[in-house]
Amino acid sequence: MNYFEFFNTQEEVLQYFERLKEEGYFEEDIHLITEDTDFDALKYTGVKVHYHLVENQLKAFFSKEAQGESFLRDHRFSDEDIETYLKDVEDGQYLVVVDPEDLKRRESQMNERDEAE
């Protein structure tokens, strides 16, 4: 099961990233779906960005990250939810998604490593 939250500003998104990292998530565990290609701070993070670029599908196609809709489908969001969430992204909101299983898996790996030492 994925956890997700919407934000209105870049600053709110960056603050949420910090909160997630305090909870134990790595930047690589965090996914952002946005239309905002001018979010320069993302260049300095390991956060995975999935663009939803309605205006420029060609640019989205050549993006190194999965497109927003593909990401949501791959993570088993319902068609109805996908339509609603992408509409919110089109309206300028930022969608942040994390999978708590990533955190559990990492904690388990760290515990195994500690026990092996």
Protein backbone atom coordinates (compact mmCIF):
# COMPACT_ATOMS: atom_id res chain seq x y z
CA MET A 1 0.00 0.00 0.00
CA ASN A 2 1.27 3.43 -0.94
CA TYR A 3 0.99 6.56 1.13
CA PHE A 4 0.51 9.80 -0.73
CA GLU A 5 -0.04 13.44 -0.06
CA PHE A 6 -0.68 16.55 -2.14
CA PHE A 7 1.09 19.89 -1.74
CA ASN A 8 0.59 23.33 -3.24
CA THR A 9 4.14 24.72 -3.18
CA GLN A 10 7.71 23.60 -3.75
CA GLU A 11 8.57 24.64 -0.20
CA GLU A 12 5.88 22.37 1.27
CA VAL A 13 7.19 19.48 -0.84
CA LEU A 14 10.78 19.99 0.32
CA GLN A 15 9.66 20.18 3.96
CA TYR A 16 7.76 16.91 3.54
CA PHE A 17 10.84 15.29 2.01
CA GLU A 18 12.77 16.25 5.15
CA ARG A 19 10.05 14.82 7.39
CA LEU A 20 10.06 11.55 5.45
CA LYS A 21 13.84 11.33 5.77
CA GLU A 22 13.51 11.87 9.54
CA GLU A 23 11.10 8.91 9.57
CA GLY A 24 13.80 6.76 7.94
CA TYR A 25 13.00 6.97 4.24
CA PHE A 26 15.83 7.48 1.80
CA GLU A 27 15.39 10.05 -0.95
CA GLU A 28 15.33 7.17 -3.44
CA ASP A 29 12.16 5.88 -1.72
CA ILE A 30 10.28 9.11 -2.41
CA HIS A 31 8.35 9.67 -5.63
CA LEU A 32 7.04 13.03 -6.85
CA ILE A 33 4.48 13.46 -9.60
CA THR A 34 4.39 16.96 -11.03
CA GLU A 35 4.06 19.10 -14.12
CA ASP A 36 6.63 21.54 -12.72
CA THR A 37 9.76 21.17 -14.82
CA ASP A 38 11.26 24.28 -13.15
CA PHE A 39 11.59 22.69 -9.68
CA ASP A 40 15.37 23.17 -9.64
CA ALA A 41 15.89 21.91 -6.07
CA LEU A 42 15.00 18.40 -7.27
CA LYS A 43 18.24 18.26 -9.24
CA TYR A 44 20.10 18.03 -5.93
CA THR A 45 18.09 15.16 -4.48
CA GLY A 46 17.70 11.47 -5.10
CA VAL A 47 13.92 11.80 -5.22
CA LYS A 48 12.35 10.04 -8.18
CA VAL A 49 10.39 12.50 -10.30
CA HIS A 50 7.57 11.33 -12.55
CA TYR A 51 6.39 14.08 -14.83
CA HIS A 52 2.81 14.44 -15.98
CA LEU A 53 3.24 16.79 -18.91
CA VAL A 54 -0.04 17.14 -20.77
CA GLU A 55 1.23 20.08 -22.81
CA ASN A 56 4.45 18.38 -23.91
CA GLN A 57 4.04 14.63 -24.30
CA LEU A 58 7.19 14.39 -26.42
CA LYS A 59 9.31 15.86 -23.62
CA ALA A 60 7.65 13.50 -21.14
CA PHE A 61 8.37 10.54 -23.42
CA PHE A 62 12.10 11.33 -23.45
CA SER A 63 12.28 12.05 -19.71
CA LYS A 64 14.57 9.68 -17.83
CA GLU A 65 11.83 9.08 -15.25
CA ALA A 66 8.58 7.22 -15.69
CA GLN A 67 5.64 9.37 -16.61
CA GLY A 68 3.19 10.14 -13.81
CA GLU A 69 0.35 8.04 -15.15
CA SER A 70 2.60 5.03 -15.78
CA PHE A 71 4.00 5.26 -12.27
CA LEU A 72 0.53 5.30 -10.69
CA ARG A 73 -0.60 2.35 -12.80
CA ASP A 74 2.53 0.37 -11.94
CA HIS A 75 1.83 1.00 -8.24
CA ARG A 76 -1.71 -0.31 -8.46
CA PHE A 77 -3.70 2.88 -8.09
CA SER A 78 -7.24 2.51 -9.42
CA ASP A 79 -8.21 4.10 -12.73
CA GLU A 80 -10.60 6.41 -10.90
CA ASP A 81 -7.90 7.53 -8.45
CA ILE A 82 -5.40 8.02 -11.27
CA GLU A 83 -7.79 10.28 -13.14
CA THR A 84 -8.51 12.33 -10.01
CA TYR A 85 -4.89 12.59 -8.90
CA LEU A 86 -3.59 13.58 -12.32
CA LYS A 87 -6.27 16.26 -12.58
CA ASP A 88 -4.96 17.69 -9.29
CA VAL A 89 -1.41 17.58 -10.70
CA GLU A 90 -2.63 19.34 -13.85
CA ASP A 91 -4.11 22.01 -11.55
CA GLY A 92 -0.61 22.66 -10.18
CA GLN A 93 -0.44 20.44 -7.14
CA TYR A 94 2.49 18.18 -6.28
CA LEU A 95 1.80 14.53 -5.46
CA VAL A 96 4.30 12.80 -3.18
CA VAL A 97 4.12 8.99 -2.92
CA VAL A 98 6.02 6.59 -0.66
CA ASP A 99 5.65 2.88 -0.11
CA PRO A 100 6.03 1.96 3.58
CA GLU A 101 7.24 -1.46 2.48
CA ASP A 102 10.45 0.23 1.29
CA LEU A 103 11.04 1.46 4.84
CA LYS A 104 10.24 -1.93 6.38
CA ARG A 105 12.53 -3.68 3.90
CA ARG A 106 15.39 -1.30 4.65
CA GLU A 107 14.94 -1.69 8.43
CA SER A 108 14.94 -5.47 8.04
CA GLN A 109 18.13 -5.34 5.98
CA MET A 110 19.82 -3.12 8.56
CA ASN A 111 18.78 -5.45 11.39
CA GLU A 112 20.15 -8.45 9.50
CA ARG A 113 23.41 -6.61 8.88
CA ASP A 114 23.71 -5.64 12.54
CA GLU A 115 23.08 -9.23 13.65
CA ALA A 116 25.73 -10.50 11.24
CA GLU A 117 28.37 -8.20 12.74
